[in-house]
Amino acid sequence: MTGRGDAAVVRLGTRRSALALAQARLVASALTSATGRDVELVEVTTAGDTSSASLAQLGGTGVFVSALREALLSGTVDVAVHSLKDLPVGDAAGIALAAVPGRADPRDVLVARDGQTLAALPAGSTVGTGSPRRRAQLLAARPDLDVVDVRGNVDTRLSYVAGGRLDAVVLAAAGLSRLGRLDEASEVLSYDVMLPAPGQGALAVETRAGDELVGLVSVLDEVATRSAVLAERAVLATLEAGCSAPVGALAQVSGDELRLRVAVGDGSGGVQRYGESGSASEPESVGRRLAEHVLASPGRALFVSSAAGAGTSGQRPWGEGVQ
C-alpha cells in the first residue's frame, strides 16, 4: 500500500468460512476504530478449504495459510488474518507478524448429544476430531472411546452430532464464541484434561515486511498474548513437531512471569505433561527450555514416532470433507 495515501482502503485477506469471516470482521472493526482507516474484506480460497483429505495428508494446518500469504505478497491484499494456531512455526520470507490481538478463551469444548459431559459418555461413544492433539488427550482421559477423524467447518461438525451420526465432537471454545454458538457446548474441557493447540484462541495479523502498514496494524498488538503464543510456538519449533503433532501447549502471563504447560502424546496411548516458568520478556527461551526437557525425557523416541505420523496412525477416517 505504500504511496497510496492515508485514506486508502485497507484490503484485508481472509478465508471464506463463517468462522474466518467472523474473525476478520473483528480485526477489521478494531483496525478501523483504532486508526480511522476503512477496511474491505477480500475472500481467498485455500487448499485446506477445498480438499477432503485429512490435515496430516495435506501437510498440516499450514494449508490454510499459504494462499493468504501469496495474496499478501502479490499485492492482492494488504493485510491477512489467520487463526494463529494455523501458522507454520518457521519464518515466512517477506511476511511480518504485525499484530497478535488479545486472545479469546483458548480451551476446547465438547459438544455431545443430550448435553453429556466427557465423563458421562458411554463406553464406545464416537467422538469426532481431526486433531492428533485432541485425539491423544481424549484417549488418555477415556481410552474406551472411539475417536474418529473428521473434517469440515463448524456447522458441518455440529451437524454430525445433531443428526446422530456422532455422539460428540471437540471444537475450540474461541471459534464457537466468535460464531455466537458457545451455548451449544456440553462442557468446557479443563486444562487438566485437554491443553489447547499452541496459539489457540489467538489471531495473527500479517502484513508485508517493511510495509507502512506494519506500524499501523501494530496498534492491535497485545504484549501479553504475543508473549504467550511465542512461548507455545517455540515448543513446536524446538521439537520440530509441526502444527499437526500431538502437542498441546498453554502459556499464561502474570506480570513479568510466564508459566508454560505442555502435553505430549507419547505414541502408546498416554500423554506426558511438562511445565516451565520464566520471564515473560523472554518467552521463546522458556519455550525452548521446556522443549529441550521433553526431548531429553524417556518418552522422546515415542514422541518423535507419534509426531512423524500425526493424524494417520490408528485413526479411522470419517466424514464428508470440507463444506
C-alpha atoms as a PDB file:
ATOM      1  CA  MET A   1       0.000   0.000   0.000  1.00  0.00           C
ATOM      2  CA  THR A   2       2.984   2.276   0.073  1.00  0.00           C
ATOM      3  CA  GLY A   3       2.310   5.536  -1.735  1.00  0.00           C
ATOM      4  CA  ARG A   4      -1.488   5.266  -1.778  1.00  0.00           C
ATOM      5  CA  GLY A   5      -2.051   7.866   0.892  1.00  0.00           C
ATOM      6  CA  ASP A   6      -3.511   7.657   4.375  1.00  0.00           C
ATOM      7  CA  ALA A   7      -7.129   7.487   3.131  1.00  0.00           C
ATOM      8  CA  ALA A   8      -6.626   4.309   1.082  1.00  0.00           C
ATOM      9  CA  VAL A   9      -8.898   1.398   1.954  1.00  0.00           C
ATOM     10  CA  VAL A  10      -7.060  -1.457   3.663  1.00  0.00           C
ATOM     11  CA  ARG A  11      -7.748  -4.750   1.865  1.00  0.00           C
ATOM     12  CA  LEU A  12      -7.916  -7.486   4.473  1.00  0.00           C
ATOM     13  CA  GLY A  13      -7.499 -11.067   3.229  1.00  0.00           C
ATOM     14  CA  THR A  14      -9.449 -13.864   4.881  1.00  0.00           C
ATOM     15  CA  ARG A  15     -10.591 -17.411   4.245  1.00  0.00           C
ATOM     16  CA  ARG A  16     -14.243 -17.794   3.229  1.00  0.00           C
ATOM     17  CA  SER A  17     -15.522 -19.909   6.106  1.00  0.00           C
ATOM     18  CA  ALA A  18     -18.051 -18.410   8.504  1.00  0.00           C
ATOM     19  CA  LEU A  19     -15.517 -18.538  11.336  1.00  0.00           C
ATOM     20  CA  ALA A  20     -12.720 -16.948   9.303  1.00  0.00           C
ATOM     21  CA  LEU A  21     -15.047 -14.162   8.205  1.00  0.00           C
ATOM     22  CA  ALA A  22     -16.186 -13.565  11.791  1.00  0.00           C
ATOM     23  CA  GLN A  23     -12.555 -13.294  12.890  1.00  0.00           C
ATOM     24  CA  ALA A  24     -11.701 -10.991  10.004  1.00  0.00           C
ATOM     25  CA  ARG A  25     -14.621  -8.705  10.849  1.00  0.00           C
ATOM     26  CA  LEU A  26     -13.381  -8.448  14.434  1.00  0.00           C
ATOM     27  CA  VAL A  27      -9.956  -7.350  13.210  1.00  0.00           C
ATOM     28  CA  ALA A  28     -11.414  -5.011  10.599  1.00  0.00           C
ATOM     29  CA  SER A  29     -13.624  -3.306  13.177  1.00  0.00           C
ATOM     30  CA  ALA A  30     -10.763  -2.968  15.651  1.00  0.00           C
ATOM     31  CA  LEU A  31      -8.439  -1.575  12.977  1.00  0.00           C
ATOM     32  CA  THR A  32     -10.988   0.995  11.838  1.00  0.00           C
ATOM     33  CA  SER A  33     -11.701   2.032  15.432  1.00  0.00           C
ATOM     34  CA  ALA A  34      -8.007   2.408  16.239  1.00  0.00           C
ATOM     35  CA  THR A  35      -6.831   4.096  13.041  1.00  0.00           C
ATOM     36  CA  GLY A  36      -9.869   5.549  11.265  1.00  0.00           C
ATOM     37  CA  ARG A  37      -8.990   3.606   8.105  1.00  0.00           C
ATOM     38  CA  ASP A  38     -11.716   1.869   6.118  1.00  0.00           C
ATOM     39  CA  VAL A  39     -11.214  -1.880   5.724  1.00  0.00           C
ATOM     40  CA  GLU A  40     -12.506  -4.087   2.904  1.00  0.00           C
ATOM     41  CA  LEU A  41     -12.642  -7.864   3.282  1.00  0.00           C
ATOM     42  CA  VAL A  42     -11.169  -9.899   0.412  1.00  0.00           C
ATOM     43  CA  GLU A  43     -12.105 -13.594   0.468  1.00  0.00           C
ATOM     44  CA  VAL A  44      -9.398 -16.078  -0.516  1.00  0.00           C
ATOM     45  CA  THR A  45      -9.839 -19.820  -1.085  1.00  0.00           C
ATOM     46  CA  THR A  46      -7.124 -22.063   0.385  1.00  0.00           C
ATOM     47  CA  ALA A  47      -6.194 -25.672  -0.299  1.00  0.00           C
ATOM     48  CA  GLY A  48      -7.460 -26.621   3.150  1.00  0.00           C
ATOM     49  CA  ASP A  49     -10.922 -25.316   2.236  1.00  0.00           C
ATOM     50  CA  THR A  50     -11.317 -27.346  -0.956  1.00  0.00           C
ATOM     51  CA  SER A  51      -9.765 -30.739  -0.136  1.00  0.00           C
ATOM     52  CA  SER A  52     -11.477 -33.547   1.767  1.00  0.00           C
ATOM     53  CA  ALA A  53      -8.140 -35.140   2.729  1.00  0.00           C
ATOM     54  CA  SER A  54      -7.033 -35.191   6.351  1.00  0.00           C
ATOM     55  CA  LEU A  55      -4.857 -32.340   7.578  1.00  0.00           C
ATOM     56  CA  ALA A  56      -1.957 -34.732   8.043  1.00  0.00           C
ATOM     57  CA  GLN A  57      -2.202 -35.803   4.389  1.00  0.00           C
ATOM     58  CA  LEU A  58      -2.376 -32.167   3.270  1.00  0.00           C
ATOM     59  CA  GLY A  59       0.687 -31.225   5.287  1.00  0.00           C
ATOM     60  CA  GLY A  60      -0.881 -29.832   8.458  1.00  0.00           C
ATOM     61  CA  THR A  61      -2.829 -26.681   9.228  1.00  0.00           C
ATOM     62  CA  GLY A  62      -0.381 -24.552   7.226  1.00  0.00           C
ATOM     63  CA  VAL A  63      -2.520 -25.346   4.162  1.00  0.00           C
ATOM     64  CA  PHE A  64      -4.946 -22.699   5.424  1.00  0.00           C
ATOM     65  CA  VAL A  65      -2.211 -20.055   5.385  1.00  0.00           C
ATOM     66  CA  SER A  66      -0.252 -20.305   2.129  1.00  0.00           C
ATOM     67  CA  ALA A  67      -2.889 -18.867  -0.229  1.00  0.00           C
ATOM     68  CA  LEU A  68      -3.423 -15.850   2.025  1.00  0.00           C
ATOM     69  CA  ARG A  69       0.312 -15.228   2.193  1.00  0.00           C
ATOM     70  CA  GLU A  70       0.575 -15.491  -1.588  1.00  0.00           C
ATOM     71  CA  ALA A  71      -2.210 -12.915  -1.934  1.00  0.00           C
ATOM     72  CA  LEU A  72      -0.352 -10.675   0.504  1.00  0.00           C
ATOM     73  CA  LEU A  73       2.970 -10.920  -1.305  1.00  0.00           C
ATOM     74  CA  SER A  74       1.368 -10.386  -4.721  1.00  0.00           C
ATOM     75  CA  GLY A  75      -0.355  -7.217  -3.541  1.00  0.00           C
ATOM     76  CA  THR A  76      -3.866  -8.629  -3.900  1.00  0.00           C
ATOM     77  CA  VAL A  77      -4.444  -7.882  -0.204  1.00  0.00           C
ATOM     78  CA  ASP A  78      -2.680  -5.574   2.250  1.00  0.00           C
ATOM     79  CA  VAL A  79      -3.301  -7.457   5.492  1.00  0.00           C
ATOM     80  CA  ALA A  80      -4.080 -11.130   6.196  1.00  0.00           C
ATOM     81  CA  VAL A  81      -5.835 -12.579   9.223  1.00  0.00           C
ATOM     82  CA  HIS A  82      -5.303 -16.164  10.371  1.00  0.00           C
ATOM     83  CA  SER A  83      -6.137 -18.319  13.352  1.00  0.00           C
ATOM     84  CA  LEU A  84      -2.709 -18.187  14.944  1.00  0.00           C
ATOM     85  CA  LYS A  85      -2.680 -21.916  15.637  1.00  0.00           C
ATOM     86  CA  ASP A  86      -2.683 -22.447  11.837  1.00  0.00           C
ATOM     87  CA  LEU A  87       0.603 -20.607  11.263  1.00  0.00           C
ATOM     88  CA  PRO A  88       3.657 -22.761  10.472  1.00  0.00           C
ATOM     89  CA  VAL A  89       6.335 -22.138  13.074  1.00  0.00           C
ATOM     90  CA  GLY A  90       9.071 -21.110  10.644  1.00  0.00           C
ATOM     91  CA  ASP A  91       9.584 -17.555   9.410  1.00  0.00           C
ATOM     92  CA  ALA A  92       7.994 -16.649   6.076  1.00  0.00           C
ATOM     93  CA  ALA A  93      10.115 -14.545   3.720  1.00  0.00           C
ATOM     94  CA  GLY A  94       8.665 -11.111   3.165  1.00  0.00           C
ATOM     95  CA  ILE A  95       5.960 -11.536   5.807  1.00  0.00           C
ATOM     96  CA  ALA A  96       5.693  -9.694   9.142  1.00  0.00           C
ATOM     97  CA  LEU A  97       3.538 -10.739  12.090  1.00  0.00           C
ATOM     98  CA  ALA A  98       2.346  -7.186  12.670  1.00  0.00           C
ATOM     99  CA  ALA A  99      -0.115  -7.878  15.497  1.00  0.00           C
ATOM    100  CA  VAL A 100      -1.385 -10.547  17.849  1.00  0.00           C
ATOM    101  CA  PRO A 101      -4.591  -9.099  19.318  1.00  0.00           C
ATOM    102  CA  GLY A 102      -5.960 -10.080  22.719  1.00  0.00           C
ATOM    103  CA  ARG A 103      -6.694 -13.774  22.997  1.00  0.00           C
ATOM    104  CA  ALA A 104     -10.115 -15.380  23.358  1.00  0.00           C
ATOM    105  CA  ASP A 105     -10.681 -18.416  25.597  1.00  0.00           C
ATOM    106  CA  PRO A 106      -8.053 -20.963  24.460  1.00  0.00           C
ATOM    107  CA  ARG A 107      -9.845 -24.003  25.860  1.00  0.00           C
ATOM    108  CA  ASP A 108     -11.521 -26.813  23.925  1.00  0.00           C
ATOM    109  CA  VAL A 109     -15.157 -27.758  24.347  1.00  0.00           C
ATOM    110  CA  LEU A 110     -17.146 -30.952  23.970  1.00  0.00           C
ATOM    111  CA  VAL A 111     -20.413 -30.795  22.039  1.00  0.00           C
ATOM    112  CA  ALA A 112     -22.285 -34.016  22.796  1.00  0.00           C
ATOM    113  CA  ARG A 113     -25.731 -35.463  22.282  1.00  0.00           C
ATOM    114  CA  ASP A 114     -28.122 -34.823  25.150  1.00  0.00           C
ATOM    115  CA  GLY A 115     -25.643 -32.407  26.717  1.00  0.00           C
ATOM    116  CA  GLN A 116     -23.429 -35.182  28.057  1.00  0.00           C
ATOM    117  CA  THR A 117     -20.021 -34.467  29.578  1.00  0.00           C
ATOM    118  CA  LEU A 118     -16.841 -36.310  28.645  1.00  0.00           C
ATOM    119  CA  ALA A 119     -17.044 -38.379  31.815  1.00  0.00           C
ATOM    120  CA  ALA A 120     -20.687 -39.290  31.162  1.00  0.00           C
ATOM    121  CA  LEU A 121     -20.261 -40.535  27.574  1.00  0.00           C
ATOM    122  CA  PRO A 122     -20.962 -44.288  27.408  1.00  0.00           C
ATOM    123  CA  ALA A 123     -18.071 -46.599  26.534  1.00  0.00           C
ATOM    124  CA  GLY A 124     -17.639 -46.887  22.782  1.00  0.00           C
ATOM    125  CA  SER A 125     -19.125 -43.464  22.046  1.00  0.00           C
ATOM    126  CA  THR A 126     -17.921 -41.945  18.779  1.00  0.00           C
ATOM    127  CA  VAL A 127     -16.129 -38.612  19.210  1.00  0.00           C
ATOM    128  CA  GLY A 128     -15.029 -36.671  16.149  1.00  0.00           C
ATOM    129  CA  THR A 129     -11.880 -34.596  15.747  1.00  0.00           C
ATOM    130  CA  GLY A 130      -9.315 -34.002  13.022  1.00  0.00           C
ATOM    131  CA  SER A 131      -6.624 -33.128  15.559  1.00  0.00           C
ATOM    132  CA  PRO A 132      -3.947 -35.633  16.703  1.00  0.00           C
ATOM    133  CA  ARG A 133      -3.505 -33.441  19.803  1.00  0.00           C
ATOM    134  CA  ARG A 134      -7.153 -33.765  20.770  1.00  0.00           C
ATOM    135  CA  ARG A 135      -7.186 -37.451  19.878  1.00  0.00           C
ATOM    136  CA  ALA A 136      -4.224 -38.213  22.154  1.00  0.00           C
ATOM    137  CA  GLN A 137      -5.653 -36.330  25.118  1.00  0.00           C
ATOM    138  CA  LEU A 138      -9.170 -37.704  24.645  1.00  0.00           C
ATOM    139  CA  LEU A 139      -7.897 -41.279  24.667  1.00  0.00           C
ATOM    140  CA  ALA A 140      -5.643 -40.595  27.634  1.00  0.00           C
ATOM    141  CA  ALA A 141      -8.722 -39.478  29.573  1.00  0.00           C
ATOM    142  CA  ARG A 142     -11.154 -42.018  28.066  1.00  0.00           C
ATOM    143  CA  PRO A 143      -9.397 -44.938  26.326  1.00  0.00           C
ATOM    144  CA  ASP A 144     -12.789 -46.612  25.851  1.00  0.00           C
ATOM    145  CA  LEU A 145     -13.987 -44.006  23.334  1.00  0.00           C
ATOM    146  CA  ASP A 146     -13.991 -44.439  19.536  1.00  0.00           C
ATOM    147  CA  VAL A 147     -12.217 -41.303  18.276  1.00  0.00           C
ATOM    148  CA  VAL A 148     -12.777 -40.768  14.558  1.00  0.00           C
ATOM    149  CA  ASP A 149     -11.107 -38.399  12.104  1.00  0.00           C
ATOM    150  CA  VAL A 150     -13.422 -35.649  10.804  1.00  0.00           C
ATOM    151  CA  ARG A 151     -13.026 -32.615   8.564  1.00  0.00           C
ATOM    152  CA  GLY A 152     -15.375 -29.755   7.832  1.00  0.00           C
ATOM    153  CA  ASN A 153     -16.383 -26.357   9.104  1.00  0.00           C
ATOM    154  CA  VAL A 154     -18.077 -25.742  12.440  1.00  0.00           C
ATOM    155  CA  ASP A 155     -21.598 -26.142  11.037  1.00  0.00           C
ATOM    156  CA  THR A 156     -20.672 -29.455   9.431  1.00  0.00           C
ATOM    157  CA  ARG A 157     -19.154 -30.856  12.600  1.00  0.00           C
ATOM    158  CA  LEU A 158     -22.051 -29.757  14.772  1.00  0.00           C
ATOM    159  CA  SER A 159     -24.479 -31.327  12.289  1.00  0.00           C
ATOM    160  CA  TYR A 160     -22.805 -34.709  12.789  1.00  0.00           C
ATOM    161  CA  VAL A 161     -23.876 -34.612  16.432  1.00  0.00           C
ATOM    162  CA  ALA A 162     -27.296 -33.053  15.869  1.00  0.00           C
ATOM    163  CA  GLY A 163     -28.052 -35.642  13.192  1.00  0.00           C
ATOM    164  CA  GLY A 164     -26.985 -38.549  15.394  1.00  0.00           C
ATOM    165  CA  ARG A 165     -24.078 -39.633  13.223  1.00  0.00           C
ATOM    166  CA  LEU A 166     -21.575 -38.960  16.001  1.00  0.00           C
ATOM    167  CA  ASP A 167     -22.020 -38.887  19.745  1.00  0.00           C
ATOM    168  CA  ALA A 168     -19.794 -35.854  20.220  1.00  0.00           C
ATOM    169  CA  VAL A 169     -17.206 -33.584  18.644  1.00  0.00           C
ATOM    170  CA  VAL A 170     -14.436 -31.469  20.141  1.00  0.00           C
ATOM    171  CA  LEU A 171     -14.069 -27.855  18.996  1.00  0.00           C
ATOM    172  CA  ALA A 172     -12.304 -24.694  20.108  1.00  0.00           C
ATOM    173  CA  ALA A 173     -14.249 -22.527  22.560  1.00  0.00           C
ATOM    174  CA  ALA A 174     -12.996 -19.401  20.799  1.00  0.00           C
ATOM    175  CA  GLY A 175     -14.430 -20.463  17.457  1.00  0.00           C
ATOM    176  CA  LEU A 176     -17.872 -21.247  18.854  1.00  0.00           C
ATOM    177  CA  SER A 177     -17.845 -17.999  20.812  1.00  0.00           C
ATOM    178  CA  ARG A 178     -16.956 -15.901  17.751  1.00  0.00           C
ATOM    179  CA  LEU A 179     -19.844 -17.531  15.895  1.00  0.00           C
ATOM    180  CA  GLY A 180     -22.234 -16.873  18.770  1.00  0.00           C
ATOM    181  CA  ARG A 181     -22.750 -20.601  19.372  1.00  0.00           C
ATOM    182  CA  LEU A 182     -20.884 -21.272  22.611  1.00  0.00           C
ATOM    183  CA  ASP A 183     -24.163 -22.199  24.309  1.00  0.00           C
ATOM    184  CA  GLU A 184     -24.174 -25.394  22.214  1.00  0.00           C
ATOM    185  CA  ALA A 185     -21.168 -26.732  24.126  1.00  0.00           C
ATOM    186  CA  SER A 186     -21.926 -29.500  26.601  1.00  0.00           C
ATOM    187  CA  GLU A 187     -18.709 -28.978  28.543  1.00  0.00           C
ATOM    188  CA  VAL A 188     -15.721 -26.675  28.542  1.00  0.00           C
ATOM    189  CA  LEU A 189     -12.796 -29.061  28.964  1.00  0.00           C
ATOM    190  CA  SER A 190     -10.396 -28.219  31.764  1.00  0.00           C
ATOM    191  CA  TYR A 191      -6.693 -27.822  31.128  1.00  0.00           C
ATOM    192  CA  ASP A 192      -6.132 -30.922  33.261  1.00  0.00           C
ATOM    193  CA  VAL A 193      -7.936 -32.918  30.573  1.00  0.00           C
ATOM    194  CA  MET A 194      -7.083 -31.022  27.392  1.00  0.00           C
ATOM    195  CA  LEU A 195      -4.328 -28.494  26.775  1.00  0.00           C
ATOM    196  CA  PRO A 196      -5.026 -26.406  23.660  1.00  0.00           C
ATOM    197  CA  ALA A 197      -3.072 -26.180  20.444  1.00  0.00           C
ATOM    198  CA  PRO A 198      -0.217 -23.659  20.589  1.00  0.00           C
ATOM    199  CA  GLY A 199      -1.760 -20.297  19.732  1.00  0.00           C
ATOM    200  CA  GLN A 200      -5.365 -21.488  20.047  1.00  0.00           C
ATOM    201  CA  GLY A 201      -7.812 -18.653  20.658  1.00  0.00           C
ATOM    202  CA  ALA A 202      -5.395 -16.039  19.281  1.00  0.00           C
ATOM    203  CA  LEU A 203      -5.403 -14.334  15.889  1.00  0.00           C
ATOM    204  CA  ALA A 204      -2.430 -13.458  13.701  1.00  0.00           C
ATOM    205  CA  VAL A 205      -2.477 -10.285  11.635  1.00  0.00           C
ATOM    206  CA  GLU A 206       0.199 -10.331   8.930  1.00  0.00           C
ATOM    207  CA  THR A 207       1.453  -7.675   6.545  1.00  0.00           C
ATOM    208  CA  ARG A 208       4.288  -7.468   4.050  1.00  0.00           C
ATOM    209  CA  ALA A 209       7.595  -6.923   5.826  1.00  0.00           C
ATOM    210  CA  GLY A 210       8.709  -3.308   5.594  1.00  0.00           C
ATOM    211  CA  ASP A 211       5.287  -2.052   4.522  1.00  0.00           C
ATOM    212  CA  GLU A 212       3.950   1.125   6.123  1.00  0.00           C
ATOM    213  CA  LEU A 213       1.043  -0.937   7.433  1.00  0.00           C
ATOM    214  CA  VAL A 214       3.295  -2.788   9.886  1.00  0.00           C
ATOM    215  CA  GLY A 215       3.274   0.239  12.158  1.00  0.00           C
ATOM    216  CA  LEU A 216      -0.408   0.956  11.572  1.00  0.00           C
ATOM    217  CA  VAL A 217      -1.553  -2.586  12.346  1.00  0.00           C
ATOM    218  CA  SER A 218       0.742  -2.952  15.367  1.00  0.00           C
ATOM    219  CA  VAL A 219      -1.711  -0.846  17.381  1.00  0.00           C
ATOM    220  CA  LEU A 220      -3.787  -4.049  17.685  1.00  0.00           C
ATOM    221  CA  ASP A 221      -0.934  -5.992  19.320  1.00  0.00           C
ATOM    222  CA  GLU A 222      -1.327  -7.168  22.920  1.00  0.00           C
ATOM    223  CA  VAL A 223       2.035  -7.765  24.559  1.00  0.00           C
ATOM    224  CA  ALA A 224       0.943 -10.498  26.986  1.00  0.00           C
ATOM    225  CA  THR A 225      -0.829 -12.509  24.288  1.00  0.00           C
ATOM    226  CA  ARG A 226       2.127 -12.251  21.901  1.00  0.00           C
ATOM    227  CA  SER A 227       4.481 -13.353  24.667  1.00  0.00           C
ATOM    228  CA  ALA A 228       2.300 -16.370  25.496  1.00  0.00           C
ATOM    229  CA  VAL A 229       1.947 -17.602  21.923  1.00  0.00           C
ATOM    230  CA  LEU A 230       5.643 -17.077  21.172  1.00  0.00           C
ATOM    231  CA  ALA A 231       6.479 -19.390  24.079  1.00  0.00           C
ATOM    232  CA  GLU A 232       3.988 -22.003  22.870  1.00  0.00           C
ATOM    233  CA  ARG A 233       5.223 -21.867  19.287  1.00  0.00           C
ATOM    234  CA  ALA A 234       8.853 -22.105  20.430  1.00  0.00           C
ATOM    235  CA  VAL A 235       7.971 -25.522  21.869  1.00  0.00           C
ATOM    236  CA  LEU A 236       6.800 -26.722  18.442  1.00  0.00           C
ATOM    237  CA  ALA A 237       9.775 -25.204  16.669  1.00  0.00           C
ATOM    238  CA  THR A 238      12.294 -26.815  19.013  1.00  0.00           C
ATOM    239  CA  LEU A 239      10.554 -30.186  18.853  1.00  0.00           C
ATOM    240  CA  GLU A 240      10.384 -29.808  15.054  1.00  0.00           C
ATOM    241  CA  ALA A 241       6.894 -31.177  15.546  1.00  0.00           C
ATOM    242  CA  GLY A 242       4.739 -29.051  13.254  1.00  0.00           C
ATOM    243  CA  CYS A 243       1.201 -27.810  13.747  1.00  0.00           C
ATOM    244  CA  SER A 244      -0.378 -31.272  13.397  1.00  0.00           C
ATOM    245  CA  ALA A 245       1.716 -33.077  16.022  1.00  0.00           C
ATOM    246  CA  PRO A 246       0.049 -34.427  19.205  1.00  0.00           C
ATOM    247  CA  VAL A 247       1.278 -31.474  21.266  1.00  0.00           C
ATOM    248  CA  GLY A 248      -0.789 -29.177  23.456  1.00  0.00           C
ATOM    249  CA  ALA A 249       0.710 -26.052  24.998  1.00  0.00           C
ATOM    250  CA  LEU A 250      -0.532 -23.164  27.095  1.00  0.00           C
ATOM    251  CA  ALA A 251       1.438 -20.180  28.390  1.00  0.00           C
ATOM    252  CA  GLN A 252      -0.057 -17.727  30.868  1.00  0.00           C
ATOM    253  CA  VAL A 253       1.477 -14.371  31.747  1.00  0.00           C
ATOM    254  CA  SER A 254       1.198 -12.719  35.139  1.00  0.00           C
ATOM    255  CA  GLY A 255       3.249  -9.559  35.474  1.00  0.00           C
ATOM    256  CA  ASP A 256       6.746 -10.444  34.267  1.00  0.00           C
ATOM    257  CA  GLU A 257       6.297 -14.174  34.892  1.00  0.00           C
ATOM    258  CA  LEU A 258       5.371 -16.619  32.177  1.00  0.00           C
ATOM    259  CA  ARG A 259       4.181 -20.106  33.103  1.00  0.00           C
ATOM    260  CA  LEU A 260       4.123 -22.721  30.362  1.00  0.00           C
ATOM    261  CA  ARG A 261       2.486 -26.158  30.335  1.00  0.00           C
ATOM    262  CA  VAL A 262       2.849 -28.790  27.622  1.00  0.00           C
ATOM    263  CA  ALA A 263       1.101 -32.102  26.960  1.00  0.00           C
ATOM    264  CA  VAL A 264       2.671 -34.564  24.517  1.00  0.00           C
ATOM    265  CA  GLY A 265       1.099 -37.728  23.136  1.00  0.00           C
ATOM    266  CA  ASP A 266       3.659 -40.463  23.724  1.00  0.00           C
ATOM    267  CA  GLY A 267       2.556 -42.778  20.915  1.00  0.00           C
ATOM    268  CA  SER A 268       1.440 -45.541  23.271  1.00  0.00           C
ATOM    269  CA  GLY A 269      -1.922 -44.154  24.303  1.00  0.00           C
ATOM    270  CA  GLY A 270      -0.575 -41.957  27.058  1.00  0.00           C
ATOM    271  CA  VAL A 271       0.090 -38.244  27.425  1.00  0.00           C
ATOM    272  CA  GLN A 272       3.150 -36.838  29.163  1.00  0.00           C
ATOM    273  CA  ARG A 273       2.895 -33.398  30.791  1.00  0.00           C
ATOM    274  CA  TYR A 274       5.657 -30.886  31.438  1.00  0.00           C
ATOM    275  CA  GLY A 275       5.915 -27.415  32.942  1.00  0.00           C
ATOM    276  CA  GLU A 276       8.341 -24.485  32.951  1.00  0.00           C
ATOM    277  CA  SER A 277       8.365 -20.862  34.024  1.00  0.00           C
ATOM    278  CA  GLY A 278      10.490 -17.835  33.273  1.00  0.00           C
ATOM    279  CA  SER A 279      10.498 -14.219  32.217  1.00  0.00           C
ATOM    280  CA  ALA A 280       7.609 -13.005  30.063  1.00  0.00           C
ATOM    281  CA  SER A 281      10.108 -10.811  28.238  1.00  0.00           C
ATOM    282  CA  GLU A 282      11.963 -13.942  27.032  1.00  0.00           C
ATOM    283  CA  PRO A 283       9.087 -16.223  26.003  1.00  0.00           C
ATOM    284  CA  GLU A 284      10.939 -18.138  23.312  1.00  0.00           C
ATOM    285  CA  SER A 285      13.703 -19.033  25.761  1.00  0.00           C
ATOM    286  CA  VAL A 286      11.102 -20.507  28.118  1.00  0.00           C
ATOM    287  CA  GLY A 287       9.553 -22.497  25.267  1.00  0.00           C
ATOM    288  CA  ARG A 288      12.885 -23.813  24.032  1.00  0.00           C
ATOM    289  CA  ARG A 289      13.940 -24.791  27.545  1.00  0.00           C
ATOM    290  CA  LEU A 290      10.775 -26.794  28.103  1.00  0.00           C
ATOM    291  CA  ALA A 291      11.009 -28.452  24.688  1.00  0.00           C
ATOM    292  CA  GLU A 292      14.604 -29.488  25.401  1.00  0.00           C
ATOM    293  CA  HIS A 293      13.357 -31.105  28.593  1.00  0.00           C
ATOM    294  CA  VAL A 294      10.760 -33.018  26.540  1.00  0.00           C
ATOM    295  CA  LEU A 295      13.423 -34.184  24.097  1.00  0.00           C
ATOM    296  CA  ALA A 296      15.610 -35.376  26.951  1.00  0.00           C
ATOM    297  CA  SER A 297      12.781 -37.361  28.552  1.00  0.00           C
ATOM    298  CA  PRO A 298      12.500 -41.169  28.328  1.00  0.00           C
ATOM    299  CA  GLY A 299       9.458 -40.883  26.033  1.00  0.00           C
ATOM    300  CA  ARG A 300      11.313 -38.946  23.353  1.00  0.00           C
ATOM    301  CA  ALA A 301      11.502 -41.816  20.849  1.00  0.00           C
ATOM    302  CA  LEU A 302       7.800 -42.487  21.196  1.00  0.00           C
ATOM    303  CA  PHE A 303       7.030 -38.805  20.741  1.00  0.00           C
ATOM    304  CA  VAL A 304       9.131 -38.487  17.602  1.00  0.00           C
ATOM    305  CA  SER A 305       7.415 -41.539  16.111  1.00  0.00           C
ATOM    306  CA  SER A 306       3.984 -40.203  17.017  1.00  0.00           C
ATOM    307  CA  ALA A 307       4.688 -36.725  15.667  1.00  0.00           C
ATOM    308  CA  ALA A 308       6.019 -38.041  12.400  1.00  0.00           C
ATOM    309  CA  GLY A 309       2.801 -39.903  11.753  1.00  0.00           C
ATOM    310  CA  ALA A 310       0.455 -37.493  13.447  1.00  0.00           C
ATOM    311  CA  GLY A 311      -3.086 -37.760  12.294  1.00  0.00           C
ATOM    312  CA  THR A 312      -2.716 -41.054  10.461  1.00  0.00           C
ATOM    313  CA  SER A 313      -1.729 -43.932  12.733  1.00  0.00           C
ATOM    314  CA  GLY A 314      -4.738 -45.725  14.168  1.00  0.00           C
ATOM    315  CA  GLN A 315      -7.300 -43.169  13.024  1.00  0.00           C
ATOM    316  CA  ARG A 316     -10.394 -44.310  11.186  1.00  0.00           C
ATOM    317  CA  PRO A 317     -11.330 -41.671   8.572  1.00  0.00           C
ATOM    318  CA  TRP A 318     -14.915 -40.471   8.782  1.00  0.00           C
ATOM    319  CA  GLY A 319     -16.914 -37.614   7.354  1.00  0.00           C
ATOM    320  CA  GLU A 320     -17.599 -35.894   4.094  1.00  0.00           C
ATOM    321  CA  GLY A 321     -14.748 -33.428   3.804  1.00  0.00           C
ATOM    322  CA  VAL A 322     -14.942 -29.666   3.811  1.00  0.00           C
ATOM    323  CA  GLN A 323     -18.257 -27.977   3.126  1.00  0.00           C
END
